[in-house]
Amino acid sequence: MRWSNQAWTNIAPLYDHIIAMPFIQELKAGTLPLKKFQFYMQQDARYLEHFGRVLAYIGSKSTENDQAIQFFDFGKNALIVEKALHETYFKQFKVVDAHEDSAIQPICHHYIHFLKSTAAFEPIEVAVAAVLPCFWIYKEVGDYIVAKAQPNNPYQAWIDTYSGEDFAEGVKKAIAFADKMAENSTEDIRIQMWQAFEKASQLEYQFWDAAYHTIRWKE
């Protein structure tokens, strides 16, 4: 069994919880309150700024040029999406600019620093496993929502961002890199990869849950 197959099997129950959670179900139905979506967009924009840099850092640690180039492209694309949020979706959904109105809130902060510390202090194989859920789970959730979305969904434009062929191709490449690295690694490293993949998957759940409940720092 490929490393990625086992990784997904490990988090399959969590994925079922993700697609059943109120944020996803209401987003699919188009009934998610706008304020919850605005909070989510603010935090997602802040997350993508740092996620793009983590991906570029992984590229700088890659010993194979093809992998390095691809992770540099992943990082660039994350920053392009962040730019698109501001230029298109922030205006469409009347989101106040994240830099002016919203600090990085607790779950976003934890997720960012988990990825940064993993990329900085763990083997590159573990870092690749840690960033994979942001690709893979988003793709699966996007496909699920597109297949089930109600007509005239007010969030359709944003949904389409994560359900296109270009995004799907990037996900396939990221999974392939993880599988190749796992195949050429030790059992101990593969276990660490699964653990990082699971933790990041849990943080994906927490990110959406925090958006639904607008979890902020206590003042």
Protein backbone atom coordinates (compact mmCIF):
# COMPACT_ATOMS: atom_id res chain seq x y z
CA MET A 1 0.00 0.00 0.00
CA ARG A 2 1.28 3.45 -0.90
CA TRP A 3 2.05 5.83 1.95
CA SER A 4 -0.70 8.19 0.80
CA ASN A 5 -3.33 5.45 0.78
CA GLN A 6 -2.55 4.60 4.39
CA ALA A 7 -2.45 8.29 5.30
CA TRP A 8 -5.95 8.86 3.95
CA THR A 9 -7.24 5.66 5.58
CA ASN A 10 -5.93 6.97 8.90
CA ILE A 11 -7.85 10.23 8.65
CA ALA A 12 -10.98 8.93 6.87
CA PRO A 13 -13.17 9.19 10.03
CA LEU A 14 -11.96 12.76 10.52
CA TYR A 15 -12.76 13.61 6.90
CA ASP A 16 -16.29 12.31 7.44
CA HIS A 17 -16.59 14.70 10.40
CA ILE A 18 -15.28 17.55 8.23
CA ILE A 19 -17.90 17.19 5.50
CA ALA A 20 -20.63 16.80 8.14
CA MET A 21 -19.68 19.90 10.10
CA PRO A 22 -22.05 22.90 10.01
CA PHE A 23 -19.62 25.18 8.17
CA ILE A 24 -19.32 22.79 5.22
CA GLN A 25 -22.97 21.82 5.14
CA GLU A 26 -24.16 25.43 5.22
CA LEU A 27 -21.53 26.48 2.68
CA LYS A 28 -22.82 23.71 0.40
CA ALA A 29 -26.40 24.84 0.87
CA GLY A 30 -25.53 28.51 0.45
CA THR A 31 -27.01 29.29 3.87
CA LEU A 32 -23.77 29.98 5.74
CA PRO A 33 -24.13 33.38 7.48
CA LEU A 34 -22.06 35.97 5.68
CA LYS A 35 -20.28 37.09 8.87
CA LYS A 36 -18.95 33.56 9.42
CA PHE A 37 -17.71 33.38 5.84
CA GLN A 38 -16.11 36.82 6.12
CA PHE A 39 -14.25 35.73 9.26
CA TYR A 40 -13.13 32.60 7.43
CA MET A 41 -11.90 34.62 4.44
CA GLN A 42 -9.91 36.96 6.67
CA GLN A 43 -8.18 34.06 8.39
CA ASP A 44 -7.66 32.14 5.16
CA ALA A 45 -5.90 35.12 3.61
CA ARG A 46 -3.54 35.39 6.57
CA TYR A 47 -2.95 31.63 6.52
CA LEU A 48 -2.10 31.58 2.80
CA GLU A 49 0.56 34.27 3.23
CA HIS A 50 2.47 31.99 5.57
CA PHE A 51 1.56 28.72 3.85
CA GLY A 52 3.07 30.01 0.62
CA ARG A 53 6.32 30.79 2.38
CA VAL A 54 6.41 27.36 4.06
CA LEU A 55 6.02 25.73 0.64
CA ALA A 56 8.83 27.85 -0.79
CA TYR A 57 11.03 26.93 2.18
CA ILE A 58 10.38 23.24 1.55
CA GLY A 59 11.41 23.86 -2.05
CA SER A 60 14.68 25.39 -0.85
CA LYS A 61 15.39 22.23 1.18
CA SER A 62 14.61 19.86 -1.70
CA THR A 63 17.62 18.10 -3.19
CA GLU A 64 15.87 17.27 -6.47
CA ASN A 65 15.45 20.20 -8.83
CA ASP A 66 12.04 19.11 -10.13
CA GLN A 67 10.66 18.91 -6.61
CA ALA A 68 12.25 22.23 -5.66
CA ILE A 69 10.73 23.97 -8.68
CA GLN A 70 7.32 22.47 -8.01
CA PHE A 71 7.27 23.58 -4.37
CA PHE A 72 8.39 27.06 -5.38
CA ASP A 73 5.41 27.05 -7.78
CA PHE A 74 3.10 25.77 -5.01
CA GLY A 75 4.27 28.64 -2.83
CA LYS A 76 3.80 31.18 -5.62
CA ASN A 77 0.31 29.86 -6.35
CA ALA A 78 -0.69 30.13 -2.67
CA LEU A 79 0.33 33.80 -2.70
CA ILE A 80 -1.51 34.34 -6.00
CA VAL A 81 -4.67 32.91 -4.43
CA GLU A 82 -4.16 35.18 -1.41
CA LYS A 83 -3.88 38.16 -3.80
CA ALA A 84 -7.05 37.04 -5.58
CA LEU A 85 -8.88 36.93 -2.26
CA HIS A 86 -8.15 40.60 -1.77
CA GLU A 87 -8.77 41.71 -5.35
CA THR A 88 -11.89 39.66 -6.05
CA TYR A 89 -13.51 37.79 -3.17
CA PHE A 90 -12.92 40.40 -0.46
CA LYS A 91 -14.81 42.88 -2.63
CA GLN A 92 -17.50 40.40 -3.64
CA PHE A 93 -18.23 39.35 -0.06
CA LYS A 94 -17.56 42.78 1.51
CA VAL A 95 -14.71 41.53 3.68
CA VAL A 96 -12.77 44.21 5.55
CA ASP A 97 -9.08 43.90 4.71
CA ALA A 98 -7.50 41.27 6.96
CA HIS A 99 -4.38 43.32 7.63
CA GLU A 100 -6.36 46.28 8.92
CA ASP A 101 -9.26 44.61 10.71
CA SER A 102 -8.27 41.15 11.87
CA ALA A 103 -5.25 39.75 13.62
CA ILE A 104 -4.29 36.12 13.12
CA GLN A 105 -6.71 34.35 15.44
CA PRO A 106 -5.87 31.33 17.67
CA ILE A 107 -6.46 28.35 15.35
CA CYS A 108 -4.93 30.06 12.33
CA HIS A 109 -1.95 31.03 14.50
CA HIS A 110 -1.52 27.45 15.74
CA TYR A 111 -1.78 25.96 12.25
CA ILE A 112 0.74 28.41 10.78
CA HIS A 113 3.27 27.78 13.51
CA PHE A 114 2.81 24.02 13.37
CA LEU A 115 3.71 24.11 9.67
CA LYS A 116 6.61 26.52 10.18
CA SER A 117 8.14 24.56 13.04
CA THR A 118 7.71 21.27 11.18
CA ALA A 119 9.36 22.67 8.05
CA ALA A 120 12.21 24.17 10.08
CA PHE A 121 13.02 21.41 12.54
CA GLU A 122 11.76 18.11 11.10
CA PRO A 123 13.03 16.08 8.13
CA ILE A 124 11.79 17.33 4.78
CA GLU A 125 9.67 14.20 4.34
CA VAL A 126 7.71 15.12 7.47
CA ALA A 127 7.32 18.72 6.30
CA VAL A 128 5.87 17.55 2.98
CA ALA A 129 3.39 15.32 4.83
CA ALA A 130 2.38 18.24 7.06
CA VAL A 131 1.45 20.55 4.16
CA LEU A 132 -0.35 17.81 2.20
CA PRO A 133 -3.77 18.01 3.96
CA CYS A 134 -4.20 21.64 2.91
CA PHE A 135 -3.98 20.45 -0.69
CA TRP A 136 -5.76 17.14 -0.45
CA ILE A 137 -8.60 17.78 2.01
CA TYR A 138 -9.45 21.07 0.29
CA LYS A 139 -9.68 19.25 -3.03
CA GLU A 140 -11.94 16.54 -1.62
CA VAL A 141 -14.15 19.04 0.19
CA GLY A 142 -14.32 21.20 -2.93
CA ASP A 143 -15.41 18.25 -5.06
CA TYR A 144 -17.98 17.27 -2.44
CA ILE A 145 -19.47 20.76 -2.28
CA VAL A 146 -19.55 21.18 -6.07
CA ALA A 147 -21.36 17.86 -6.44
CA LYS A 148 -23.92 18.72 -3.77
CA ALA A 149 -24.17 22.52 -3.97
CA GLN A 150 -27.58 24.11 -4.32
CA PRO A 151 -28.36 26.18 -7.44
CA ASN A 152 -27.51 29.88 -7.23
CA ASN A 153 -25.19 29.31 -4.29
CA PRO A 154 -23.89 32.75 -3.28
CA TYR A 155 -20.48 31.26 -2.56
CA GLN A 156 -20.15 29.45 -5.91
CA ALA A 157 -17.30 31.60 -7.25
CA TRP A 158 -15.14 30.82 -4.23
CA ILE A 159 -16.12 27.13 -4.31
CA ASP A 160 -14.99 26.86 -7.93
CA THR A 161 -11.46 27.96 -6.93
CA TYR A 162 -10.87 24.64 -5.16
CA SER A 163 -12.62 22.35 -7.60
CA GLY A 164 -10.84 23.15 -10.86
CA GLU A 165 -8.53 20.93 -12.88
CA ASP A 166 -5.45 23.07 -12.20
CA PHE A 167 -5.88 22.68 -8.46
CA ALA A 168 -6.52 18.94 -8.88
CA GLU A 169 -3.29 18.56 -10.83
CA GLY A 170 -1.33 20.28 -8.07
CA VAL A 171 -2.83 17.93 -5.49
CA LYS A 172 -1.77 14.89 -7.53
CA LYS A 173 1.77 16.21 -7.74
CA ALA A 174 1.95 16.89 -3.99
CA ILE A 175 0.70 13.37 -3.19
CA ALA A 176 3.19 11.86 -5.63
CA PHE A 177 6.08 13.71 -3.97
CA ALA A 178 5.01 12.43 -0.55
CA ASP A 179 4.73 8.85 -1.81
CA LYS A 180 8.14 8.97 -3.48
CA MET A 181 9.80 10.37 -0.38
CA ALA A 182 8.10 7.83 1.87
CA GLU A 183 9.14 4.96 -0.39
CA ASN A 184 12.77 6.02 -0.15
CA SER A 185 12.69 6.64 3.59
CA THR A 186 12.79 4.62 6.81
CA GLU A 187 9.83 3.19 8.67
CA ASP A 188 10.44 5.66 11.49
CA ILE A 189 10.23 8.60 9.08
CA ARG A 190 7.09 7.20 7.47
CA ILE A 191 5.44 7.01 10.90
CA GLN A 192 6.43 10.63 11.58
CA MET A 193 4.95 11.55 8.20
CA TRP A 194 1.64 9.91 9.10
CA GLN A 195 1.61 11.70 12.44
CA ALA A 196 2.24 15.09 10.80
CA PHE A 197 -0.42 14.40 8.17
CA GLU A 198 -2.93 13.52 10.88
CA LYS A 199 -2.14 16.60 12.98
CA ALA A 200 -2.49 18.92 9.99
CA SER A 201 -5.78 17.22 9.08
CA GLN A 202 -7.06 17.88 12.59
CA LEU A 203 -6.07 21.52 12.18
CA GLU A 204 -8.01 21.68 8.91
CA TYR A 205 -11.10 20.65 10.89
CA GLN A 206 -10.33 23.15 13.63
CA PHE A 207 -9.84 25.94 11.09
CA TRP A 208 -13.37 25.54 9.70
CA ASP A 209 -14.82 25.02 13.18
CA ALA A 210 -13.14 28.21 14.40
CA ALA A 211 -14.63 30.10 11.45
CA TYR A 212 -18.11 28.80 12.21
CA HIS A 213 -17.85 29.83 15.86
CA THR A 214 -15.71 32.94 15.11
CA ILE A 215 -13.13 31.94 17.71
CA ARG A 216 -10.94 34.91 18.63
CA TRP A 217 -8.31 35.68 21.24
CA LYS A 218 -9.83 36.50 24.60
CA GLU A 219 -9.49 40.14 25.58
